[in-house]
Protein backbone atom coordinates (compact mmCIF):
# COMPACT_ATOMS: atom_id res chain seq x y z
CA UNK A 1 -25.35 -18.66 -39.89
CA UNK A 2 -23.50 -17.61 -43.19
CA UNK A 3 -24.60 -17.17 -46.89
CA UNK A 4 -23.29 -19.49 -49.59
CA UNK A 5 -23.78 -19.07 -53.45
CA UNK A 6 -25.65 -22.44 -54.10
CA UNK A 7 -26.50 -22.07 -57.59
CA UNK A 8 -26.86 -19.37 -60.72
CA UNK A 9 -30.19 -18.44 -61.45
CA UNK A 10 -31.65 -17.08 -64.59
CA UNK A 11 -33.80 -14.25 -65.34
CA UNK A 12 -36.05 -13.93 -68.06
CA UNK A 13 -35.54 -16.10 -71.37
CA UNK A 14 -35.87 -14.67 -74.90
CA UNK A 15 -34.94 -15.47 -78.72
CA UNK A 16 -33.54 -14.04 -80.92
CA UNK A 17 -34.94 -14.82 -84.43
CA UNK A 18 -33.36 -13.83 -87.75
CA UNK A 19 -35.37 -13.67 -90.46
CA UNK A 20 -34.72 -14.31 -94.40
CA UNK A 21 -35.20 -11.20 -95.11
CA UNK A 22 -32.45 -10.15 -92.90
CA UNK A 23 -35.00 -8.47 -90.03
CA UNK A 24 -34.46 -10.27 -86.34
CA UNK A 25 -37.25 -10.47 -84.50
CA UNK A 26 -37.11 -10.93 -80.17
CA UNK A 27 -39.24 -13.18 -78.44
CA UNK A 28 -39.62 -12.46 -74.88
CA UNK A 29 -41.16 -14.62 -72.64
CA UNK A 30 -40.55 -17.77 -74.45
CA UNK A 31 -39.03 -20.91 -72.71
CA UNK A 32 -39.36 -23.33 -75.90
CA UNK A 33 -40.15 -23.83 -79.05
CA UNK A 34 -41.30 -25.99 -81.88
CA UNK A 35 -42.33 -27.04 -85.49
CA UNK A 36 -45.89 -26.77 -85.81
CA UNK A 37 -46.73 -28.07 -89.84
CA UNK A 38 -45.37 -24.87 -91.61
CA UNK A 39 -44.65 -22.77 -88.72
CA UNK A 40 -42.00 -22.58 -85.88
CA UNK A 41 -44.17 -21.98 -82.72
CA UNK A 42 -42.73 -20.13 -79.25
CA UNK A 43 -43.97 -21.28 -76.37
CA UNK A 44 -44.21 -20.12 -72.38
CA UNK A 45 -44.74 -22.62 -69.68
CA UNK A 46 -45.15 -21.14 -66.06
CA UNK A 47 -42.37 -23.50 -64.68
CA UNK A 48 -40.00 -22.25 -66.81
CA UNK A 49 -39.36 -25.94 -68.44
CA UNK A 50 -38.07 -26.29 -72.12
CA UNK A 51 -40.37 -28.57 -72.81
CA UNK A 52 -43.88 -27.90 -74.37
CA UNK A 53 -46.83 -29.82 -73.34
CA UNK A 54 -50.89 -29.25 -73.07
CA UNK A 55 -50.11 -26.29 -70.67
CA UNK A 56 -47.95 -24.60 -72.47
CA UNK A 57 -48.96 -21.21 -73.50
CA UNK A 58 -48.37 -19.87 -77.70
CA UNK A 59 -46.32 -16.57 -77.80
CA UNK A 60 -45.37 -16.35 -81.15
CA UNK A 61 -45.27 -17.89 -84.44
CA UNK A 62 -43.15 -17.59 -87.62
CA UNK A 63 -43.19 -19.50 -91.56
CA UNK A 64 -40.45 -22.07 -90.73
CA UNK A 65 -39.17 -21.54 -94.34
CA UNK A 66 -38.48 -17.64 -93.66
CA UNK A 67 -36.03 -18.60 -90.31
CA UNK A 68 -32.42 -18.66 -91.02
CA UNK A 69 -31.21 -18.95 -87.43
CA UNK A 70 -32.80 -19.31 -83.92
CA UNK A 71 -30.99 -17.87 -80.61
CA UNK A 72 -31.88 -18.51 -76.65
CA UNK A 73 -30.91 -15.84 -74.47
CA UNK A 74 -30.80 -16.03 -71.29
CA UNK A 75 -30.43 -13.15 -68.53
CA UNK A 76 -28.99 -14.02 -65.60
CA UNK A 77 -29.86 -12.70 -62.63
CA UNK A 78 -26.58 -13.61 -60.61
CA UNK A 79 -25.92 -16.27 -57.65
CA UNK A 80 -28.41 -17.70 -55.30
CA UNK A 81 -27.27 -17.48 -51.64
CA UNK A 82 -28.81 -19.95 -48.91
CA UNK A 83 -28.42 -19.33 -45.29
CA UNK A 84 -26.65 -22.45 -43.97
CA UNK A 85 -25.47 -23.07 -40.16
CA UNK A 86 -22.05 -22.37 -39.86
């Protein structure tokens, strides 16, 4: 049996949020975000999906009018290696 790289795994996800007053917030553990009325809310999904549904957990919220930029940051864990018959 040999180890063959089959895919790259991503570790923790975070979002860098730049606010209009020049401050930068980092939201750790969120997989997705969406606008909810006047707020932009970040959500965690146990499956790591980028969709928001009824099982999503709110992690943080910011007033949408105060947000200048949002950047998603995925920490790479490297290649996943699986055993395959030689």
